[in-house]
Amino acid sequence: MKTIQLREAKARLSALVEAAGGGEPTIITKHGKPTAMVVPIDEGRKLYPQDSQKAFVDFLLQYPGGIEFERNESPSREVEF
């Protein structure tokens, strides 16, 4: 894995994107500290699934024993108008 300074990354962005497309991730540093990473799209999708909301719903539906929700219809406080 390659490491590159932010200034150089700005100048070589097209090359970094091309490298990521070929499967080579690159770490970008700012003042010597790793700050960001350009990764292939498949790796990024593993970390940040596009359909994350649906996945959370599936997770809740798979909860052992199910989930029951109760709704209290009474107002939480009395209000006079």
PDB file of N, CA and C in Angstrom:
ATOM      1  N   MET A   1       0.842  -1.166   0.000  1.00  0.00           N
ATOM      2  CA  MET A   1       0.000   0.000   0.000  1.00  0.00           C
ATOM      3  C   MET A   1       0.892   1.235   0.000  1.00  0.00           C
ATOM      4  N   LYS A   2       0.534   2.169  -0.815  1.00  0.00           N
ATOM      5  CA  LYS A   2       1.303   3.378  -1.011  1.00  0.00           C
ATOM      6  C   LYS A   2       0.802   4.480  -0.078  1.00  0.00           C
ATOM      7  N   THR A   3       1.710   5.361   0.360  1.00  0.00           N
ATOM      8  CA  THR A   3       1.361   6.530   1.167  1.00  0.00           C
ATOM      9  C   THR A   3       1.825   7.771   0.424  1.00  0.00           C
ATOM     10  N   ILE A   4       0.980   8.799   0.424  1.00  0.00           N
ATOM     11  CA  ILE A   4       1.283  10.006  -0.327  1.00  0.00           C
ATOM     12  C   ILE A   4       0.807  11.229   0.467  1.00  0.00           C
ATOM     13  N   GLN A   5       1.534  12.338   0.362  1.00  0.00           N
ATOM     14  CA  GLN A   5       1.148  13.568   1.044  1.00  0.00           C
ATOM     15  C   GLN A   5      -0.022  14.218   0.318  1.00  0.00           C
ATOM     16  N   LEU A   6      -0.825  14.968   1.046  1.00  0.00           N
ATOM     17  CA  LEU A   6      -2.004  15.604   0.495  1.00  0.00           C
ATOM     18  C   LEU A   6      -1.671  16.490  -0.711  1.00  0.00           C
ATOM     19  N   ARG A   7      -0.622  17.278  -0.602  1.00  0.00           N
ATOM     20  CA  ARG A   7      -0.244  18.170  -1.701  1.00  0.00           C
ATOM     21  C   ARG A   7       0.006  17.384  -2.987  1.00  0.00           C
ATOM     22  N   GLU A   8       0.715  16.277  -2.852  1.00  0.00           N
ATOM     23  CA  GLU A   8       1.005  15.446  -4.020  1.00  0.00           C
ATOM     24  C   GLU A   8      -0.254  14.739  -4.510  1.00  0.00           C
ATOM     25  N   ALA A   9      -1.115  14.347  -3.575  1.00  0.00           N
ATOM     26  CA  ALA A   9      -2.363  13.677  -3.952  1.00  0.00           C
ATOM     27  C   ALA A   9      -3.247  14.599  -4.783  1.00  0.00           C
ATOM     28  N   LYS A  10      -3.272  15.884  -4.432  1.00  0.00           N
ATOM     29  CA  LYS A  10      -4.060  16.850  -5.211  1.00  0.00           C
ATOM     30  C   LYS A  10      -3.549  16.909  -6.646  1.00  0.00           C
ATOM     31  N   ALA A  11      -2.247  16.907  -6.798  1.00  0.00           N
ATOM     32  CA  ALA A  11      -1.640  17.012  -8.122  1.00  0.00           C
ATOM     33  C   ALA A  11      -1.793  15.726  -8.928  1.00  0.00           C
ATOM     34  N   ARG A  12      -1.933  14.589  -8.237  1.00  0.00           N
ATOM     35  CA  ARG A  12      -1.969  13.290  -8.923  1.00  0.00           C
ATOM     36  C   ARG A  12      -3.275  12.540  -8.716  1.00  0.00           C
ATOM     37  N   LEU A  13      -4.373  13.266  -8.518  1.00  0.00           N
ATOM     38  CA  LEU A  13      -5.651  12.623  -8.214  1.00  0.00           C
ATOM     39  C   LEU A  13      -6.060  11.618  -9.287  1.00  0.00           C
ATOM     40  N   SER A  14      -5.920  11.976 -10.543  1.00  0.00           N
ATOM     41  CA  SER A  14      -6.304  11.050 -11.618  1.00  0.00           C
ATOM     42  C   SER A  14      -5.527   9.742 -11.527  1.00  0.00           C
ATOM     43  N   ALA A  15      -4.245   9.824 -11.220  1.00  0.00           N
ATOM     44  CA  ALA A  15      -3.420   8.616 -11.093  1.00  0.00           C
ATOM     45  C   ALA A  15      -3.849   7.795  -9.881  1.00  0.00           C
ATOM     46  N   LEU A  16      -4.223   8.457  -8.790  1.00  0.00           N
ATOM     47  CA  LEU A  16      -4.677   7.731  -7.590  1.00  0.00           C
ATOM     48  C   LEU A  16      -5.991   7.001  -7.859  1.00  0.00           C
ATOM     49  N   VAL A  17      -6.886   7.660  -8.577  1.00  0.00           N
ATOM     50  CA  VAL A  17      -8.165   7.024  -8.914  1.00  0.00           C
ATOM     51  C   VAL A  17      -7.923   5.840  -9.846  1.00  0.00           C
ATOM     52  N   GLU A  18      -7.048   6.005 -10.791  1.00  0.00           N
ATOM     53  CA  GLU A  18      -6.703   4.907 -11.706  1.00  0.00           C
ATOM     54  C   GLU A  18      -6.111   3.726 -10.930  1.00  0.00           C
ATOM     55  N   ALA A  19      -5.226   4.013  -9.982  1.00  0.00           N
ATOM     56  CA  ALA A  19      -4.615   2.952  -9.172  1.00  0.00           C
ATOM     57  C   ALA A  19      -5.674   2.238  -8.332  1.00  0.00           C
ATOM     58  N   ALA A  20      -6.600   3.004  -7.744  1.00  0.00           N
ATOM     59  CA  ALA A  20      -7.670   2.398  -6.942  1.00  0.00           C
ATOM     60  C   ALA A  20      -8.539   1.511  -7.821  1.00  0.00           C
ATOM     61  N   GLY A  21      -8.798   1.956  -9.049  1.00  0.00           N
ATOM     62  CA  GLY A  21      -9.569   1.138  -9.984  1.00  0.00           C
ATOM     63  C   GLY A  21      -8.871  -0.171 -10.306  1.00  0.00           C
ATOM     64  N   GLY A  22      -7.551  -0.175 -10.205  1.00  0.00           N
ATOM     65  CA  GLY A  22      -6.774  -1.388 -10.444  1.00  0.00           C
ATOM     66  C   GLY A  22      -6.556  -2.217  -9.187  1.00  0.00           C
ATOM     67  N   GLY A  23      -7.169  -1.799  -8.072  1.00  0.00           N
ATOM     68  CA  GLY A  23      -7.079  -2.584  -6.840  1.00  0.00           C
ATOM     69  C   GLY A  23      -6.020  -2.127  -5.867  1.00  0.00           C
ATOM     70  N   GLU A  24      -5.374  -0.998  -6.114  1.00  0.00           N
ATOM     71  CA  GLU A  24      -4.299  -0.527  -5.232  1.00  0.00           C
ATOM     72  C   GLU A  24      -4.772   0.642  -4.357  1.00  0.00           C
ATOM     73  N   PRO A  25      -4.951   0.419  -3.055  1.00  0.00           N
ATOM     74  CA  PRO A  25      -5.348   1.513  -2.169  1.00  0.00           C
ATOM     75  C   PRO A  25      -4.164   2.442  -1.880  1.00  0.00           C
ATOM     76  N   THR A  26      -4.467   3.698  -1.576  1.00  0.00           N
ATOM     77  CA  THR A  26      -3.437   4.686  -1.265  1.00  0.00           C
ATOM     78  C   THR A  26      -3.849   5.469  -0.029  1.00  0.00           C
ATOM     79  N   ILE A  27      -2.930   5.603   0.909  1.00  0.00           N
ATOM     80  CA  ILE A  27      -3.161   6.407   2.111  1.00  0.00           C
ATOM     81  C   ILE A  27      -2.696   7.832   1.834  1.00  0.00           C
ATOM     82  N   ILE A  28      -3.523   8.811   2.220  1.00  0.00           N
ATOM     83  CA  ILE A  28      -3.176  10.219   2.060  1.00  0.00           C
ATOM     84  C   ILE A  28      -2.896  10.796   3.443  1.00  0.00           C
ATOM     85  N   THR A  29      -1.743  11.447   3.583  1.00  0.00           N
ATOM     86  CA  THR A  29      -1.356  12.021   4.872  1.00  0.00           C
ATOM     87  C   THR A  29      -1.448  13.542   4.815  1.00  0.00           C
ATOM     88  N   LYS A  30      -1.697  14.122   5.980  1.00  0.00           N
ATOM     89  CA  LYS A  30      -1.715  15.568   6.133  1.00  0.00           C
ATOM     90  C   LYS A  30      -0.824  15.890   7.321  1.00  0.00           C
ATOM     91  N   HIS A  31       0.226  16.629   7.083  1.00  0.00           N
ATOM     92  CA  HIS A  31       1.235  16.937   8.102  1.00  0.00           C
ATOM     93  C   HIS A  31       1.814  15.658   8.706  1.00  0.00           C
ATOM     94  N   GLY A  32       1.984  14.641   7.871  1.00  0.00           N
ATOM     95  CA  GLY A  32       2.595  13.389   8.294  1.00  0.00           C
ATOM     96  C   GLY A  32       1.651  12.411   8.970  1.00  0.00           C
ATOM     97  N   LYS A  33       0.395  12.806   9.165  1.00  0.00           N
ATOM     98  CA  LYS A  33      -0.571  11.946   9.856  1.00  0.00           C
ATOM     99  C   LYS A  33      -1.545  11.346   8.833  1.00  0.00           C
ATOM    100  N   PRO A  34      -1.716  10.012   8.824  1.00  0.00           N
ATOM    101  CA  PRO A  34      -2.692   9.406   7.902  1.00  0.00           C
ATOM    102  C   PRO A  34      -4.079   9.988   8.135  1.00  0.00           C
ATOM    103  N   THR A  35      -4.689  10.493   7.069  1.00  0.00           N
ATOM    104  CA  THR A  35      -5.961  11.198   7.195  1.00  0.00           C
ATOM    105  C   THR A  35      -7.069  10.575   6.360  1.00  0.00           C
ATOM    106  N   ALA A  36      -6.730  10.091   5.185  1.00  0.00           N
ATOM    107  CA  ALA A  36      -7.747   9.531   4.288  1.00  0.00           C
ATOM    108  C   ALA A  36      -7.131   8.397   3.482  1.00  0.00           C
ATOM    109  N   MET A  37      -8.016   7.667   2.792  1.00  0.00           N
ATOM    110  CA  MET A  37      -7.536   6.569   1.967  1.00  0.00           C
ATOM    111  C   MET A  37      -8.397   6.482   0.714  1.00  0.00           C
ATOM    112  N   VAL A  38      -7.759   6.303  -0.426  1.00  0.00           N
ATOM    113  CA  VAL A  38      -8.458   6.059  -1.684  1.00  0.00           C
ATOM    114  C   VAL A  38      -8.404   4.553  -1.897  1.00  0.00           C
ATOM    115  N   VAL A  39      -9.591   3.941  -1.954  1.00  0.00           N
ATOM    116  CA  VAL A  39      -9.668   2.481  -2.064  1.00  0.00           C
ATOM    117  C   VAL A  39     -10.500   2.081  -3.269  1.00  0.00           C
ATOM    118  N   PRO A  40     -10.336   0.849  -3.739  1.00  0.00           N
ATOM    119  CA  PRO A  40     -11.199   0.359  -4.810  1.00  0.00           C
ATOM    120  C   PRO A  40     -12.663   0.392  -4.374  1.00  0.00           C
ATOM    121  N   ILE A  41     -13.563   0.611  -5.317  1.00  0.00           N
ATOM    122  CA  ILE A  41     -14.985   0.756  -5.015  1.00  0.00           C
ATOM    123  C   ILE A  41     -15.551  -0.466  -4.290  1.00  0.00           C
ATOM    124  N   ASP A  42     -15.115  -1.662  -4.623  1.00  0.00           N
ATOM    125  CA  ASP A  42     -15.620  -2.867  -3.954  1.00  0.00           C
ATOM    126  C   ASP A  42     -15.288  -2.858  -2.471  1.00  0.00           C
ATOM    127  N   GLU A  43     -14.079  -2.404  -2.130  1.00  0.00           N
ATOM    128  CA  GLU A  43     -13.687  -2.331  -0.721  1.00  0.00           C
ATOM    129  C   GLU A  43     -14.512  -1.266   0.014  1.00  0.00           C
ATOM    130  N   GLY A  44     -14.746  -0.149  -0.639  1.00  0.00           N
ATOM    131  CA  GLY A  44     -15.550   0.911  -0.036  1.00  0.00           C
ATOM    132  C   GLY A  44     -16.985   0.467   0.207  1.00  0.00           C
ATOM    133  N   ARG A  45     -17.536  -0.295  -0.726  1.00  0.00           N
ATOM    134  CA  ARG A  45     -18.919  -0.769  -0.563  1.00  0.00           C
ATOM    135  C   ARG A  45     -19.041  -1.795   0.556  1.00  0.00           C
ATOM    136  N   LYS A  46     -17.971  -2.519   0.839  1.00  0.00           N
ATOM    137  CA  LYS A  46     -17.995  -3.452   1.969  1.00  0.00           C
ATOM    138  C   LYS A  46     -18.090  -2.674   3.281  1.00  0.00           C
ATOM    139  N   LEU A  47     -17.380  -1.544   3.341  1.00  0.00           N
ATOM    140  CA  LEU A  47     -17.386  -0.727   4.556  1.00  0.00           C
ATOM    141  C   LEU A  47     -18.657   0.097   4.696  1.00  0.00           C
ATOM    142  N   TYR A  48     -19.177   0.583   3.574  1.00  0.00           N
ATOM    143  CA  TYR A  48     -20.357   1.440   3.582  1.00  0.00           C
ATOM    144  C   TYR A  48     -21.384   0.922   2.587  1.00  0.00           C
ATOM    145  N   PRO A  49     -22.175  -0.068   3.000  1.00  0.00           N
ATOM    146  CA  PRO A  49     -23.171  -0.640   2.086  1.00  0.00           C
ATOM    147  C   PRO A  49     -24.165   0.421   1.621  1.00  0.00           C
ATOM    148  N   GLN A  50     -24.550   0.368   0.364  1.00  0.00           N
ATOM    149  CA  GLN A  50     -25.486   1.328  -0.211  1.00  0.00           C
ATOM    150  C   GLN A  50     -26.866   1.202   0.412  1.00  0.00           C
ATOM    151  N   ASP A  51     -27.277   0.002   0.757  1.00  0.00           N
ATOM    152  CA  ASP A  51     -28.629  -0.249   1.240  1.00  0.00           C
ATOM    153  C   ASP A  51     -28.624  -0.480   2.745  1.00  0.00           C
ATOM    154  N   SER A  52     -27.914   0.382   3.491  1.00  0.00           N
ATOM    155  CA  SER A  52     -27.733   0.150   4.920  1.00  0.00           C
ATOM    156  C   SER A  52     -29.044   0.230   5.700  1.00  0.00           C
ATOM    157  N   GLN A  53     -30.002   1.065   5.259  1.00  0.00           N
ATOM    158  CA  GLN A  53     -31.263   1.166   5.979  1.00  0.00           C
ATOM    159  C   GLN A  53     -32.037  -0.148   5.877  1.00  0.00           C
ATOM    160  N   LYS A  54     -32.069  -0.741   4.694  1.00  0.00           N
ATOM    161  CA  LYS A  54     -32.742  -2.023   4.526  1.00  0.00           C
ATOM    162  C   LYS A  54     -32.046  -3.089   5.374  1.00  0.00           C
ATOM    163  N   ALA A  55     -30.734  -3.069   5.427  1.00  0.00           N
ATOM    164  CA  ALA A  55     -30.004  -4.049   6.215  1.00  0.00           C
ATOM    165  C   ALA A  55     -30.375  -3.926   7.698  1.00  0.00           C
ATOM    166  N   PHE A  56     -30.598  -2.716   8.190  1.00  0.00           N
ATOM    167  CA  PHE A  56     -30.977  -2.528   9.595  1.00  0.00           C
ATOM    168  C   PHE A  56     -32.371  -3.098   9.846  1.00  0.00           C
ATOM    169  N   VAL A  57     -33.296  -2.891   8.914  1.00  0.00           N
ATOM    170  CA  VAL A  57     -34.637  -3.458   9.040  1.00  0.00           C
ATOM    171  C   VAL A  57     -34.554  -4.983   9.057  1.00  0.00           C
ATOM    172  N   ASP A  58     -33.750  -5.550   8.169  1.00  0.00           N
ATOM    173  CA  ASP A  58     -33.568  -7.003   8.162  1.00  0.00           C
ATOM    174  C   ASP A  58     -33.004  -7.490   9.489  1.00  0.00           C
ATOM    175  N   PHE A  59     -32.080  -6.731  10.047  1.00  0.00           N
ATOM    176  CA  PHE A  59     -31.500  -7.077  11.344  1.00  0.00           C
ATOM    177  C   PHE A  59     -32.583  -7.119  12.419  1.00  0.00           C
ATOM    178  N   LEU A  60     -33.442  -6.118  12.448  1.00  0.00           N
ATOM    179  CA  LEU A  60     -34.506  -6.086  13.456  1.00  0.00           C
ATOM    180  C   LEU A  60     -35.483  -7.234  13.272  1.00  0.00           C
ATOM    181  N   LEU A  61     -35.794  -7.558  12.023  1.00  0.00           N
ATOM    182  CA  LEU A  61     -36.732  -8.646  11.770  1.00  0.00           C
ATOM    183  C   LEU A  61     -36.158 -10.003  12.144  1.00  0.00           C
ATOM    184  N   GLN A  62     -34.849 -10.132  12.150  1.00  0.00           N
ATOM    185  CA  GLN A  62     -34.199 -11.392  12.494  1.00  0.00           C
ATOM    186  C   GLN A  62     -33.951 -11.527  13.991  1.00  0.00           C
ATOM    187  N   TYR A  63     -34.341 -10.531  14.765  1.00  0.00           N
ATOM    188  CA  TYR A  63     -34.113 -10.551  16.208  1.00  0.00           C
ATOM    189  C   TYR A  63     -34.838 -11.744  16.823  1.00  0.00           C
ATOM    190  N   PRO A  64     -34.141 -12.572  17.601  1.00  0.00           N
ATOM    191  CA  PRO A  64     -34.785 -13.758  18.179  1.00  0.00           C
ATOM    192  C   PRO A  64     -35.944 -13.382  19.098  1.00  0.00           C
ATOM    193  N   GLY A  65     -37.065 -14.038  18.919  1.00  0.00           N
ATOM    194  CA  GLY A  65     -38.222 -13.771  19.767  1.00  0.00           C
ATOM    195  C   GLY A  65     -39.073 -12.632  19.251  1.00  0.00           C
ATOM    196  N   GLY A  66     -38.623 -11.947  18.233  1.00  0.00           N
ATOM    197  CA  GLY A  66     -39.402 -10.850  17.661  1.00  0.00           C
ATOM    198  C   GLY A  66     -39.355  -9.607  18.525  1.00  0.00           C
ATOM    199  N   ILE A  67     -39.904  -8.567  18.017  1.00  0.00           N
ATOM    200  CA  ILE A  67     -39.957  -7.291  18.734  1.00  0.00           C
ATOM    201  C   ILE A  67     -41.404  -6.831  18.741  1.00  0.00           C
ATOM    202  N   GLU A  68     -41.899  -6.522  19.911  1.00  0.00           N
ATOM    203  CA  GLU A  68     -43.264  -6.024  20.030  1.00  0.00           C
ATOM    204  C   GLU A  68     -43.200  -4.571  20.472  1.00  0.00           C
ATOM    205  N   PHE A  69     -43.972  -3.752  19.796  1.00  0.00           N
ATOM    206  CA  PHE A  69     -44.017  -2.339  20.127  1.00  0.00           C
ATOM    207  C   PHE A  69     -45.374  -2.009  20.721  1.00  0.00           C
ATOM    208  N   GLU A  70     -45.358  -1.226  21.759  1.00  0.00           N
ATOM    209  CA  GLU A  70     -46.598  -0.765  22.365  1.00  0.00           C
ATOM    210  C   GLU A  70     -46.673   0.739  22.198  1.00  0.00           C
ATOM    211  N   ARG A  71     -47.870   1.218  21.930  1.00  0.00           N
ATOM    212  CA  ARG A  71     -48.040   2.656  21.815  1.00  0.00           C
ATOM    213  C   ARG A  71     -49.072   3.100  22.839  1.00  0.00           C
ATOM    214  N   ASN A  72     -48.690   4.059  23.628  1.00  0.00           N
ATOM    215  CA  ASN A  72     -49.589   4.619  24.619  1.00  0.00           C
ATOM    216  C   ASN A  72     -50.298   5.792  23.971  1.00  0.00           C
ATOM    217  N   GLU A  73     -51.615   5.670  23.775  1.00  0.00           N
ATOM    218  CA  GLU A  73     -52.388   6.698  23.088  1.00  0.00           C
ATOM    219  C   GLU A  73     -52.703   7.898  23.975  1.00  0.00           C
ATOM    220  N   SER A  74     -52.526   7.759  25.289  1.00  0.00           N
ATOM    221  CA  SER A  74     -52.844   8.887  26.170  1.00  0.00           C
ATOM    222  C   SER A  74     -51.795   9.982  26.013  1.00  0.00           C
ATOM    223  N   PRO A  75     -52.236  11.243  26.111  1.00  0.00           N
ATOM    224  CA  PRO A  75     -51.267  12.338  25.976  1.00  0.00           C
ATOM    225  C   PRO A  75     -50.279  12.318  27.134  1.00  0.00           C
ATOM    226  N   SER A  76     -49.088  12.771  26.887  1.00  0.00           N
ATOM    227  CA  SER A  76     -48.079  12.745  27.919  1.00  0.00           C
ATOM    228  C   SER A  76     -48.310  13.821  28.973  1.00  0.00           C
ATOM    229  N   ARG A  77     -49.092  14.849  28.603  1.00  0.00           N
ATOM    230  CA  ARG A  77     -49.455  15.873  29.585  1.00  0.00           C
ATOM    231  C   ARG A  77     -50.758  16.522  29.142  1.00  0.00           C
ATOM    232  N   GLU A  78     -51.463  17.094  30.078  1.00  0.00           N
ATOM    233  CA  GLU A  78     -52.704  17.761  29.756  1.00  0.00           C
ATOM    234  C   GLU A  78     -52.419  19.187  29.341  1.00  0.00           C
ATOM    235  N   VAL A  79     -53.044  19.588  28.255  1.00  0.00           N
ATOM    236  CA  VAL A  79     -52.828  20.926  27.725  1.00  0.00           C
ATOM    237  C   VAL A  79     -54.165  21.613  27.558  1.00  0.00           C
ATOM    238  N   GLU A  80     -54.282  22.830  28.041  1.00  0.00           N
ATOM    239  CA  GLU A  80     -55.511  23.600  27.892  1.00  0.00           C
ATOM    240  C   GLU A  80     -55.295  24.658  26.813  1.00  0.00           C
ATOM    241  N   PHE A  81     -56.300  24.797  25.953  1.00  0.00           N
ATOM    242  CA  PHE A  81     -56.214  25.813  24.890  1.00  0.00           C
ATOM    243  C   PHE A  81     -57.168  26.943  25.178  1.00  0.00           C
TER     244      PHE A  81
END
